[in-house]
Amino acid sequence: MEMQTTLEEPVSTAVARPRRGRKFIQVFLDRKAILVGSLILLVMVVLAVFAPYIAPYSPYQQDLDHTLAPPSWQHLLGTDLFGRDELSRIIFGTRASLMVGVVSVAIAGGVGIALGLMAGYLGGIIDSLIMRIMDALMAIPPIILALSIGSALGGGLKDVMISLGIALIPIYARLMRGQVLSVREADYVIAGELSGSSNLRNMLVHVLPNCVSPLIVLITLNLGVAILAEAALSFLGLGMAPPGAAWGSMINDGYPYMRTNPLLSFAPGVAVMLVVVAFNLVGDALRDALDPKLRGSV
């Protein structure tokens, strides 16, 4: 009888995995807005990768005879103060925004997940030390912290990515620690310890894979947060140095001409809004698909 039960368990597990996979896809795609969000992100990625071939002009090409020109067939969104094509600069600005989002979230996720994993699994003084540092960082709003770090580093796209990455670390560390504590006493973790595996192996093989679902959702949502924060920092003059194309600095450059030529600020602002909304839509769909409670309600 025991042998029969032992043989049936792997079979049932093997059958359950495809079912869970189909249920994940069903719930993920059931949200109609996910198609809109995915399409927006796909378009943005294509624009970022093929910007030199899609943009009608160079983002740095000046035409001082046609400064602040209104929209026309030659310049669909008009030109800026230096006669540069606004549409071309928005297309090239996609590169900077996506790169900042990906790199800053990679920094925050890599460092924060590692710190949270050590704090939750090892506990003791290591846990107390890491969490007190994270509490100190979380006492400062992320955008203010990023602004302070970016100013100290001197500004520029690289410094913005570093400052945003540092500002977002506490979010990942606290979430990872909470997830680790929820699985720390699970049977498979204790079995790994009893088998003689090292702490590093247990953390990477048994603990981390069982904590990734909420982290995936957080990463997706934070991509939009990082892009929005980069636009804010660029608007304040801490982003990409001129004449680089960044959405936040373009909004700032067009602000004095809001009455005469509102597209100079409105167009890059819409680009920021679309990317942030798209990441939020995808993140919400991932949350619903990965949460067993919400998955069962569909």
C-alpha atoms as a PDB file:
ATOM      1  CA  MET A   1       0.000   0.000   0.000  1.00  0.00           C
ATOM      2  CA  GLU A   2       2.846   2.377   0.840  1.00  0.00           C
ATOM      3  CA  MET A   3       4.578   1.516  -2.413  1.00  0.00           C
ATOM      4  CA  GLN A   4       1.426   2.346  -4.367  1.00  0.00           C
ATOM      5  CA  THR A   5       1.142   5.754  -2.688  1.00  0.00           C
ATOM      6  CA  THR A   6       4.795   6.478  -3.407  1.00  0.00           C
ATOM      7  CA  LEU A   7       4.363   5.660  -7.071  1.00  0.00           C
ATOM      8  CA  GLU A   8       1.215   7.720  -7.423  1.00  0.00           C
ATOM      9  CA  GLU A   9       2.654  10.926  -5.929  1.00  0.00           C
ATOM     10  CA  PRO A  10       5.111  11.727  -8.767  1.00  0.00           C
ATOM     11  CA  VAL A  11       2.391  11.003 -11.329  1.00  0.00           C
ATOM     12  CA  SER A  12      -0.067  13.349  -9.661  1.00  0.00           C
ATOM     13  CA  THR A  13       2.628  16.007  -9.353  1.00  0.00           C
ATOM     14  CA  ALA A  14       3.554  15.654 -13.009  1.00  0.00           C
ATOM     15  CA  VAL A  15      -0.090  15.995 -14.019  1.00  0.00           C
ATOM     16  CA  ALA A  16      -0.631  18.990 -11.732  1.00  0.00           C
ATOM     17  CA  ARG A  17       2.220  21.015 -13.223  1.00  0.00           C
ATOM     18  CA  PRO A  18       0.718  21.315 -16.747  1.00  0.00           C
ATOM     19  CA  ARG A  19      -2.627  22.135 -15.163  1.00  0.00           C
ATOM     20  CA  ARG A  20      -1.075  24.916 -13.104  1.00  0.00           C
ATOM     21  CA  GLY A  21       0.672  26.179 -16.221  1.00  0.00           C
ATOM     22  CA  ARG A  22      -2.569  26.247 -18.210  1.00  0.00           C
ATOM     23  CA  LYS A  23      -4.360  27.954 -15.333  1.00  0.00           C
ATOM     24  CA  PHE A  24      -1.615  30.589 -15.135  1.00  0.00           C
ATOM     25  CA  ILE A  25      -1.888  31.346 -18.854  1.00  0.00           C
ATOM     26  CA  GLN A  26      -5.692  31.385 -18.674  1.00  0.00           C
ATOM     27  CA  VAL A  27      -5.792  33.885 -15.798  1.00  0.00           C
ATOM     28  CA  PHE A  28      -2.956  35.961 -17.257  1.00  0.00           C
ATOM     29  CA  LEU A  29      -4.622  36.324 -20.654  1.00  0.00           C
ATOM     30  CA  ASP A  30      -8.116  36.657 -19.201  1.00  0.00           C
ATOM     31  CA  ARG A  31      -7.348  40.274 -18.338  1.00  0.00           C
ATOM     32  CA  LYS A  32      -8.157  42.059 -21.595  1.00  0.00           C
ATOM     33  CA  ALA A  33      -6.045  45.042 -20.603  1.00  0.00           C
ATOM     34  CA  ILE A  34      -2.958  42.806 -20.637  1.00  0.00           C
ATOM     35  CA  LEU A  35      -3.100  42.772 -24.428  1.00  0.00           C
ATOM     36  CA  VAL A  36      -3.003  46.563 -24.490  1.00  0.00           C
ATOM     37  CA  GLY A  37      -0.143  46.705 -22.005  1.00  0.00           C
ATOM     38  CA  SER A  38       1.866  44.030 -23.816  1.00  0.00           C
ATOM     39  CA  LEU A  39       1.332  45.766 -27.162  1.00  0.00           C
ATOM     40  CA  ILE A  40       2.533  49.103 -25.769  1.00  0.00           C
ATOM     41  CA  LEU A  41       5.656  47.485 -24.288  1.00  0.00           C
ATOM     42  CA  LEU A  42       6.349  45.635 -27.537  1.00  0.00           C
ATOM     43  CA  VAL A  43       6.118  48.882 -29.507  1.00  0.00           C
ATOM     44  CA  MET A  44       8.413  50.643 -27.041  1.00  0.00           C
ATOM     45  CA  VAL A  45      11.009  47.878 -27.223  1.00  0.00           C
ATOM     46  CA  VAL A  46      10.920  47.955 -31.036  1.00  0.00           C
ATOM     47  CA  LEU A  47      11.341  51.736 -31.009  1.00  0.00           C
ATOM     48  CA  ALA A  48      14.275  51.485 -28.604  1.00  0.00           C
ATOM     49  CA  VAL A  49      16.073  48.765 -30.576  1.00  0.00           C
ATOM     50  CA  PHE A  50      15.468  50.173 -34.076  1.00  0.00           C
ATOM     51  CA  ALA A  51      15.426  53.884 -33.223  1.00  0.00           C
ATOM     52  CA  PRO A  52      18.075  54.861 -35.854  1.00  0.00           C
ATOM     53  CA  TYR A  53      15.984  53.223 -38.582  1.00  0.00           C
ATOM     54  CA  ILE A  54      12.545  54.389 -37.421  1.00  0.00           C
ATOM     55  CA  ALA A  55      13.234  58.006 -36.447  1.00  0.00           C
ATOM     56  CA  PRO A  56      12.827  60.349 -39.446  1.00  0.00           C
ATOM     57  CA  TYR A  57      15.722  62.573 -38.303  1.00  0.00           C
ATOM     58  CA  SER A  58      18.716  62.466 -36.026  1.00  0.00           C
ATOM     59  CA  PRO A  59      17.736  63.537 -32.491  1.00  0.00           C
ATOM     60  CA  TYR A  60      20.688  65.962 -32.499  1.00  0.00           C
ATOM     61  CA  GLN A  61      20.145  67.502 -35.935  1.00  0.00           C
ATOM     62  CA  GLN A  62      19.443  71.226 -35.511  1.00  0.00           C
ATOM     63  CA  ASP A  63      17.552  73.471 -37.919  1.00  0.00           C
ATOM     64  CA  LEU A  64      17.776  76.985 -36.528  1.00  0.00           C
ATOM     65  CA  ASP A  65      15.615  78.317 -39.356  1.00  0.00           C
ATOM     66  CA  HIS A  66      12.637  76.273 -38.120  1.00  0.00           C
ATOM     67  CA  THR A  67      12.744  76.493 -34.334  1.00  0.00           C
ATOM     68  CA  LEU A  68       9.528  75.851 -32.368  1.00  0.00           C
ATOM     69  CA  ALA A  69       7.792  74.884 -35.604  1.00  0.00           C
ATOM     70  CA  PRO A  70       4.213  73.571 -35.291  1.00  0.00           C
ATOM     71  CA  PRO A  71       3.341  70.030 -36.410  1.00  0.00           C
ATOM     72  CA  SER A  72       3.644  69.491 -40.154  1.00  0.00           C
ATOM     73  CA  TRP A  73       4.247  66.706 -42.650  1.00  0.00           C
ATOM     74  CA  GLN A  74       8.003  67.307 -42.308  1.00  0.00           C
ATOM     75  CA  HIS A  75       7.872  67.298 -38.508  1.00  0.00           C
ATOM     76  CA  LEU A  76       4.813  65.429 -37.244  1.00  0.00           C
ATOM     77  CA  LEU A  77       5.210  66.717 -33.673  1.00  0.00           C
ATOM     78  CA  GLY A  78       6.960  69.963 -34.521  1.00  0.00           C
ATOM     79  CA  THR A  79      10.458  71.057 -33.509  1.00  0.00           C
ATOM     80  CA  ASP A  80      12.004  72.241 -30.254  1.00  0.00           C
ATOM     81  CA  LEU A  81      13.920  75.395 -29.359  1.00  0.00           C
ATOM     82  CA  PHE A  82      16.896  74.309 -31.481  1.00  0.00           C
ATOM     83  CA  GLY A  83      14.876  73.069 -34.440  1.00  0.00           C
ATOM     84  CA  ARG A  84      15.322  69.380 -33.544  1.00  0.00           C
ATOM     85  CA  ASP A  85      12.545  67.013 -34.579  1.00  0.00           C
ATOM     86  CA  GLU A  86      10.377  66.268 -31.551  1.00  0.00           C
ATOM     87  CA  LEU A  87       9.190  62.857 -32.768  1.00  0.00           C
ATOM     88  CA  SER A  88      12.752  61.663 -33.374  1.00  0.00           C
ATOM     89  CA  ARG A  89      13.822  62.743 -29.904  1.00  0.00           C
ATOM     90  CA  ILE A  90      10.866  60.927 -28.311  1.00  0.00           C
ATOM     91  CA  ILE A  91      11.763  57.755 -30.208  1.00  0.00           C
ATOM     92  CA  PHE A  92      15.395  57.935 -29.081  1.00  0.00           C
ATOM     93  CA  GLY A  93      14.251  58.835 -25.574  1.00  0.00           C
ATOM     94  CA  THR A  94      12.669  55.389 -25.377  1.00  0.00           C
ATOM     95  CA  ARG A  95      16.164  53.927 -25.188  1.00  0.00           C
ATOM     96  CA  ALA A  96      17.157  55.993 -22.171  1.00  0.00           C
ATOM     97  CA  SER A  97      13.909  55.334 -20.285  1.00  0.00           C
ATOM     98  CA  LEU A  98      13.901  51.566 -20.797  1.00  0.00           C
ATOM     99  CA  MET A  99      17.608  51.293 -20.011  1.00  0.00           C
ATOM    100  CA  VAL A 100      17.187  53.228 -16.775  1.00  0.00           C
ATOM    101  CA  GLY A 101      14.200  51.074 -15.804  1.00  0.00           C
ATOM    102  CA  VAL A 102      15.929  47.763 -16.498  1.00  0.00           C
ATOM    103  CA  VAL A 103      19.336  48.632 -15.010  1.00  0.00           C
ATOM    104  CA  SER A 104      18.034  50.344 -11.862  1.00  0.00           C
ATOM    105  CA  VAL A 105      15.587  47.520 -11.126  1.00  0.00           C
ATOM    106  CA  ALA A 106      18.346  44.970 -11.790  1.00  0.00           C
ATOM    107  CA  ILE A 107      20.575  46.733  -9.248  1.00  0.00           C
ATOM    108  CA  ALA A 108      17.784  47.019  -6.682  1.00  0.00           C
ATOM    109  CA  GLY A 109      16.537  43.482  -7.244  1.00  0.00           C
ATOM    110  CA  GLY A 110      19.953  41.839  -7.205  1.00  0.00           C
ATOM    111  CA  VAL A 111      21.173  43.549  -4.040  1.00  0.00           C
ATOM    112  CA  GLY A 112      17.799  43.652  -2.251  1.00  0.00           C
ATOM    113  CA  ILE A 113      16.952  40.000  -2.897  1.00  0.00           C
ATOM    114  CA  ALA A 114      20.415  38.885  -1.728  1.00  0.00           C
ATOM    115  CA  LEU A 115      20.166  40.939   1.466  1.00  0.00           C
ATOM    116  CA  GLY A 116      16.617  39.804   2.202  1.00  0.00           C
ATOM    117  CA  LEU A 117      17.559  36.180   1.570  1.00  0.00           C
ATOM    118  CA  MET A 118      20.473  36.339   4.017  1.00  0.00           C
ATOM    119  CA  ALA A 119      18.469  38.253   6.629  1.00  0.00           C
ATOM    120  CA  GLY A 120      15.525  35.868   6.566  1.00  0.00           C
ATOM    121  CA  TYR A 121      17.504  32.624   6.414  1.00  0.00           C
ATOM    122  CA  LEU A 122      20.445  33.360   8.692  1.00  0.00           C
ATOM    123  CA  GLY A 123      18.563  35.504  11.218  1.00  0.00           C
ATOM    124  CA  GLY A 124      20.229  36.742  14.388  1.00  0.00           C
ATOM    125  CA  ILE A 125      22.563  39.708  14.265  1.00  0.00           C
ATOM    126  CA  ILE A 126      22.796  39.583  10.476  1.00  0.00           C
ATOM    127  CA  ASP A 127      19.030  39.942  10.199  1.00  0.00           C
ATOM    128  CA  SER A 128      18.979  42.825  12.698  1.00  0.00           C
ATOM    129  CA  LEU A 129      21.834  44.675  11.031  1.00  0.00           C
ATOM    130  CA  ILE A 130      20.458  44.380   7.485  1.00  0.00           C
ATOM    131  CA  MET A 131      16.910  45.291   8.470  1.00  0.00           C
ATOM    132  CA  ARG A 132      17.958  48.333  10.502  1.00  0.00           C
ATOM    133  CA  ILE A 133      19.857  49.656   7.479  1.00  0.00           C
ATOM    134  CA  MET A 134      16.814  48.997   5.279  1.00  0.00           C
ATOM    135  CA  ASP A 135      14.549  50.748   7.798  1.00  0.00           C
ATOM    136  CA  ALA A 136      16.824  53.781   7.730  1.00  0.00           C
ATOM    137  CA  LEU A 137      16.673  53.907   3.932  1.00  0.00           C
ATOM    138  CA  MET A 138      12.902  53.428   3.883  1.00  0.00           C
ATOM    139  CA  ALA A 139      12.478  56.369   6.247  1.00  0.00           C
ATOM    140  CA  ILE A 140      13.334  58.573   3.248  1.00  0.00           C
ATOM    141  CA  PRO A 141      10.900  58.616   0.277  1.00  0.00           C
ATOM    142  CA  PRO A 142      12.548  56.815  -2.669  1.00  0.00           C
ATOM    143  CA  ILE A 143      12.408  59.795  -5.026  1.00  0.00           C
ATOM    144  CA  ILE A 144      14.000  62.069  -2.395  1.00  0.00           C
ATOM    145  CA  LEU A 145      16.669  59.473  -1.662  1.00  0.00           C
ATOM    146  CA  ALA A 146      17.377  59.052  -5.381  1.00  0.00           C
ATOM    147  CA  LEU A 147      17.512  62.817  -5.805  1.00  0.00           C
ATOM    148  CA  SER A 148      20.023  63.136  -2.956  1.00  0.00           C
ATOM    149  CA  ILE A 149      22.232  60.309  -4.182  1.00  0.00           C
ATOM    150  CA  GLY A 150      22.047  61.513  -7.786  1.00  0.00           C
ATOM    151  CA  SER A 151      23.047  65.037  -6.751  1.00  0.00           C
ATOM    152  CA  ALA A 152      25.952  63.679  -4.706  1.00  0.00           C
ATOM    153  CA  LEU A 153      27.160  61.573  -7.627  1.00  0.00           C
ATOM    154  CA  GLY A 154      26.959  64.530  -9.999  1.00  0.00           C
ATOM    155  CA  GLY A 155      24.022  63.660 -12.233  1.00  0.00           C
ATOM    156  CA  GLY A 156      23.966  61.946 -15.617  1.00  0.00           C
ATOM    157  CA  LEU A 157      22.235  58.803 -16.842  1.00  0.00           C
ATOM    158  CA  LYS A 158      24.627  56.386 -15.123  1.00  0.00           C
ATOM    159  CA  ASP A 159      24.277  58.167 -11.783  1.00  0.00           C
ATOM    160  CA  VAL A 160      20.479  58.185 -12.125  1.00  0.00           C
ATOM    161  CA  MET A 161      20.469  54.412 -12.612  1.00  0.00           C
ATOM    162  CA  ILE A 162      22.682  53.911  -9.561  1.00  0.00           C
ATOM    163  CA  SER A 163      20.684  56.288  -7.368  1.00  0.00           C
ATOM    164  CA  LEU A 164      17.341  54.744  -8.327  1.00  0.00           C
ATOM    165  CA  GLY A 165      18.755  51.265  -7.800  1.00  0.00           C
ATOM    166  CA  ILE A 166      19.908  52.149  -4.276  1.00  0.00           C
ATOM    167  CA  ALA A 167      16.597  53.854  -3.458  1.00  0.00           C
ATOM    168  CA  LEU A 168      14.592  50.745  -4.414  1.00  0.00           C
ATOM    169  CA  ILE A 169      16.767  48.187  -2.580  1.00  0.00           C
ATOM    170  CA  PRO A 170      14.796  48.253   0.731  1.00  0.00           C
ATOM    171  CA  ILE A 171      11.547  47.273  -1.004  1.00  0.00           C
ATOM    172  CA  TYR A 172      13.080  44.069  -2.369  1.00  0.00           C
ATOM    173  CA  ALA A 173      14.957  43.286   0.828  1.00  0.00           C
ATOM    174  CA  ARG A 174      11.860  43.498   3.037  1.00  0.00           C
ATOM    175  CA  LEU A 175       9.677  41.538   0.620  1.00  0.00           C
ATOM    176  CA  MET A 176      12.314  38.818   0.208  1.00  0.00           C
ATOM    177  CA  ARG A 177      12.847  38.550   3.958  1.00  0.00           C
ATOM    178  CA  GLY A 178       9.116  38.109   4.528  1.00  0.00           C
ATOM    179  CA  GLN A 179       8.929  35.401   1.877  1.00  0.00           C
ATOM    180  CA  VAL A 180      11.943  33.580   3.328  1.00  0.00           C
ATOM    181  CA  LEU A 181      10.446  33.603   6.824  1.00  0.00           C
ATOM    182  CA  SER A 182       7.252  32.059   5.441  1.00  0.00           C
ATOM    183  CA  VAL A 183       9.124  29.070   3.960  1.00  0.00           C
ATOM    184  CA  ARG A 184      12.052  28.890   6.417  1.00  0.00           C
ATOM    185  CA  GLU A 185      10.522  26.055   8.434  1.00  0.00           C
ATOM    186  CA  ALA A 186       9.081  24.146   5.472  1.00  0.00           C
ATOM    187  CA  ASP A 187       9.823  20.413   5.281  1.00  0.00           C
ATOM    188  CA  TYR A 188      11.912  20.644   2.124  1.00  0.00           C
ATOM    189  CA  VAL A 189      14.149  23.341   3.663  1.00  0.00           C
ATOM    190  CA  ILE A 190      14.654  21.319   6.862  1.00  0.00           C
ATOM    191  CA  ALA A 191      15.342  18.208   4.786  1.00  0.00           C
ATOM    192  CA  GLY A 192      18.050  20.097   2.907  1.00  0.00           C
ATOM    193  CA  GLU A 193      19.654  21.150   6.168  1.00  0.00           C
ATOM    194  CA  LEU A 194      19.552  17.622   7.555  1.00  0.00           C
ATOM    195  CA  SER A 195      21.141  16.247   4.391  1.00  0.00           C
ATOM    196  CA  GLY A 196      24.234  18.317   5.109  1.00  0.00           C
ATOM    197  CA  SER A 197      23.792  20.987   2.426  1.00  0.00           C
ATOM    198  CA  SER A 198      25.493  24.310   3.045  1.00  0.00           C
ATOM    199  CA  ASN A 199      23.522  27.431   3.891  1.00  0.00           C
ATOM    200  CA  LEU A 200      24.312  28.880   0.470  1.00  0.00           C
ATOM    201  CA  ARG A 201      22.991  25.799  -1.330  1.00  0.00           C
ATOM    202  CA  ASN A 202      19.844  25.717   0.777  1.00  0.00           C
ATOM    203  CA  MET A 203      19.169  29.394   0.131  1.00  0.00           C
ATOM    204  CA  LEU A 204      19.673  29.114  -3.619  1.00  0.00           C
ATOM    205  CA  VAL A 205      18.144  25.689  -4.252  1.00  0.00           C
ATOM    206  CA  HIS A 206      15.347  25.302  -1.707  1.00  0.00           C
ATOM    207  CA  VAL A 207      14.388  28.785  -0.490  1.00  0.00           C
ATOM    208  CA  LEU A 208      14.841  31.226  -3.382  1.00  0.00           C
ATOM    209  CA  PRO A 209      12.846  29.306  -6.043  1.00  0.00           C
ATOM    210  CA  ASN A 210       9.843  29.211  -3.698  1.00  0.00           C
ATOM    211  CA  CYS A 211       9.890  32.980  -3.133  1.00  0.00           C
ATOM    212  CA  VAL A 212      10.091  34.296  -6.697  1.00  0.00           C
ATOM    213  CA  SER A 213       6.391  34.770  -7.535  1.00  0.00           C
ATOM    214  CA  PRO A 214       5.810  38.058  -5.652  1.00  0.00           C
ATOM    215  CA  LEU A 215       9.272  39.240  -6.677  1.00  0.00           C
ATOM    216  CA  ILE A 216       8.392  38.875 -10.369  1.00  0.00           C
ATOM    217  CA  VAL A 217       5.319  41.039  -9.842  1.00  0.00           C
ATOM    218  CA  LEU A 218       7.308  43.638  -7.906  1.00  0.00           C
ATOM    219  CA  ILE A 219       9.991  43.787 -10.596  1.00  0.00           C
ATOM    220  CA  THR A 220       7.383  44.374 -13.305  1.00  0.00           C
ATOM    221  CA  LEU A 221       5.664  47.137 -11.349  1.00  0.00           C
ATOM    222  CA  ASN A 222       8.960  48.766 -10.360  1.00  0.00           C
ATOM    223  CA  LEU A 223      10.046  49.037 -13.988  1.00  0.00           C
ATOM    224  CA  GLY A 224       7.272  51.588 -14.447  1.00  0.00           C
ATOM    225  CA  VAL A 225       8.149  53.284 -11.152  1.00  0.00           C
ATOM    226  CA  ALA A 226      11.809  53.591 -12.173  1.00  0.00           C
ATOM    227  CA  ILE A 227      10.930  55.077 -15.568  1.00  0.00           C
ATOM    228  CA  LEU A 228       8.610  57.600 -13.930  1.00  0.00           C
ATOM    229  CA  ALA A 229      11.290  58.485 -11.354  1.00  0.00           C
ATOM    230  CA  GLU A 230      13.878  58.896 -14.120  1.00  0.00           C
ATOM    231  CA  ALA A 231      11.556  61.311 -15.902  1.00  0.00           C
ATOM    232  CA  ALA A 232      11.175  63.286 -12.667  1.00  0.00           C
ATOM    233  CA  LEU A 233      14.945  63.403 -12.106  1.00  0.00           C
ATOM    234  CA  SER A 234      15.561  64.398 -15.728  1.00  0.00           C
ATOM    235  CA  PHE A 235      12.927  67.105 -15.368  1.00  0.00           C
ATOM    236  CA  LEU A 236      14.956  68.450 -12.424  1.00  0.00           C
ATOM    237  CA  GLY A 237      18.158  68.373 -14.470  1.00  0.00           C
ATOM    238  CA  LEU A 238      19.781  65.233 -13.032  1.00  0.00           C
ATOM    239  CA  GLY A 239      19.166  62.910 -15.970  1.00  0.00           C
ATOM    240  CA  MET A 240      20.866  62.547 -19.329  1.00  0.00           C
ATOM    241  CA  ALA A 241      23.152  65.462 -20.127  1.00  0.00           C
ATOM    242  CA  PRO A 242      22.252  67.700 -23.096  1.00  0.00           C
ATOM    243  CA  PRO A 243      21.867  67.206 -25.986  1.00  0.00           C
ATOM    244  CA  GLY A 244      20.803  63.648 -25.108  1.00  0.00           C
ATOM    245  CA  ALA A 245      17.164  62.739 -25.619  1.00  0.00           C
ATOM    246  CA  ALA A 246      15.332  61.896 -22.388  1.00  0.00           C
ATOM    247  CA  TRP A 247      11.599  62.265 -21.832  1.00  0.00           C
ATOM    248  CA  GLY A 248      11.899  64.091 -18.518  1.00  0.00           C
ATOM    249  CA  SER A 249      14.319  66.712 -19.838  1.00  0.00           C
ATOM    250  CA  MET A 250      12.138  67.148 -22.933  1.00  0.00           C
ATOM    251  CA  ILE A 251       9.142  67.890 -20.711  1.00  0.00           C
ATOM    252  CA  ASN A 252      11.239  70.467 -18.870  1.00  0.00           C
ATOM    253  CA  ASP A 253      12.522  72.027 -22.104  1.00  0.00           C
ATOM    254  CA  GLY A 254       8.994  72.403 -23.449  1.00  0.00           C
ATOM    255  CA  TYR A 255       7.481  73.762 -20.243  1.00  0.00           C
ATOM    256  CA  PRO A 256       8.129  77.473 -21.065  1.00  0.00           C
ATOM    257  CA  TYR A 257       6.211  77.038 -24.330  1.00  0.00           C
ATOM    258  CA  MET A 258       3.097  75.327 -22.959  1.00  0.00           C
ATOM    259  CA  ARG A 259       0.796  78.046 -24.290  1.00  0.00           C
ATOM    260  CA  THR A 260       2.330  78.439 -27.731  1.00  0.00           C
ATOM    261  CA  ASN A 261       3.468  74.860 -28.436  1.00  0.00           C
ATOM    262  CA  PRO A 262       2.093  72.422 -25.800  1.00  0.00           C
ATOM    263  CA  LEU A 263       3.186  69.338 -27.753  1.00  0.00           C
ATOM    264  CA  LEU A 264       6.784  69.912 -26.684  1.00  0.00           C
ATOM    265  CA  SER A 265       5.843  68.873 -23.137  1.00  0.00           C
ATOM    266  CA  PHE A 266       2.638  66.959 -23.781  1.00  0.00           C
ATOM    267  CA  ALA A 267       4.076  64.412 -26.241  1.00  0.00           C
ATOM    268  CA  PRO A 268       6.939  63.101 -24.050  1.00  0.00           C
ATOM    269  CA  GLY A 269       4.575  63.215 -21.063  1.00  0.00           C
ATOM    270  CA  VAL A 270       2.169  60.903 -22.880  1.00  0.00           C
ATOM    271  CA  ALA A 271       5.080  58.572 -23.693  1.00  0.00           C
ATOM    272  CA  VAL A 272       5.973  58.346 -19.988  1.00  0.00           C
ATOM    273  CA  MET A 273       2.327  57.744 -19.068  1.00  0.00           C
ATOM    274  CA  LEU A 274       1.889  54.968 -21.644  1.00  0.00           C
ATOM    275  CA  VAL A 275       4.969  53.032 -20.499  1.00  0.00           C
ATOM    276  CA  VAL A 276       4.081  53.319 -16.811  1.00  0.00           C
ATOM    277  CA  VAL A 277       0.478  52.238 -17.442  1.00  0.00           C
ATOM    278  CA  ALA A 278       1.665  49.326 -19.598  1.00  0.00           C
ATOM    279  CA  PHE A 279       3.994  47.996 -16.882  1.00  0.00           C
ATOM    280  CA  ASN A 280       1.228  48.377 -14.293  1.00  0.00           C
ATOM    281  CA  LEU A 281      -1.211  46.425 -16.462  1.00  0.00           C
ATOM    282  CA  VAL A 282       1.283  43.603 -16.986  1.00  0.00           C
ATOM    283  CA  GLY A 283       2.205  43.608 -13.292  1.00  0.00           C
ATOM    284  CA  ASP A 284      -1.442  43.395 -12.210  1.00  0.00           C
ATOM    285  CA  ALA A 285      -2.040  40.501 -14.591  1.00  0.00           C
ATOM    286  CA  LEU A 286       1.030  38.673 -13.280  1.00  0.00           C
ATOM    287  CA  ARG A 287      -0.124  39.221  -9.699  1.00  0.00           C
ATOM    288  CA  ASP A 288      -3.543  37.760 -10.447  1.00  0.00           C
ATOM    289  CA  ALA A 289      -2.056  34.793 -12.299  1.00  0.00           C
ATOM    290  CA  LEU A 290       0.552  33.985  -9.638  1.00  0.00           C
ATOM    291  CA  ASP A 291      -1.729  34.463  -6.606  1.00  0.00           C
ATOM    292  CA  PRO A 292      -3.540  31.162  -5.893  1.00  0.00           C
ATOM    293  CA  LYS A 293      -6.467  32.970  -4.274  1.00  0.00           C
ATOM    294  CA  LEU A 294      -7.046  35.306  -7.200  1.00  0.00           C
ATOM    295  CA  ARG A 295      -6.318  32.511  -9.674  1.00  0.00           C
ATOM    296  CA  GLY A 296      -9.114  30.458  -8.237  1.00  0.00           C
ATOM    297  CA  SER A 297     -11.622  33.289  -8.525  1.00  0.00           C
ATOM    298  CA  VAL A 298     -11.438  33.414 -12.304  1.00  0.00           C
END
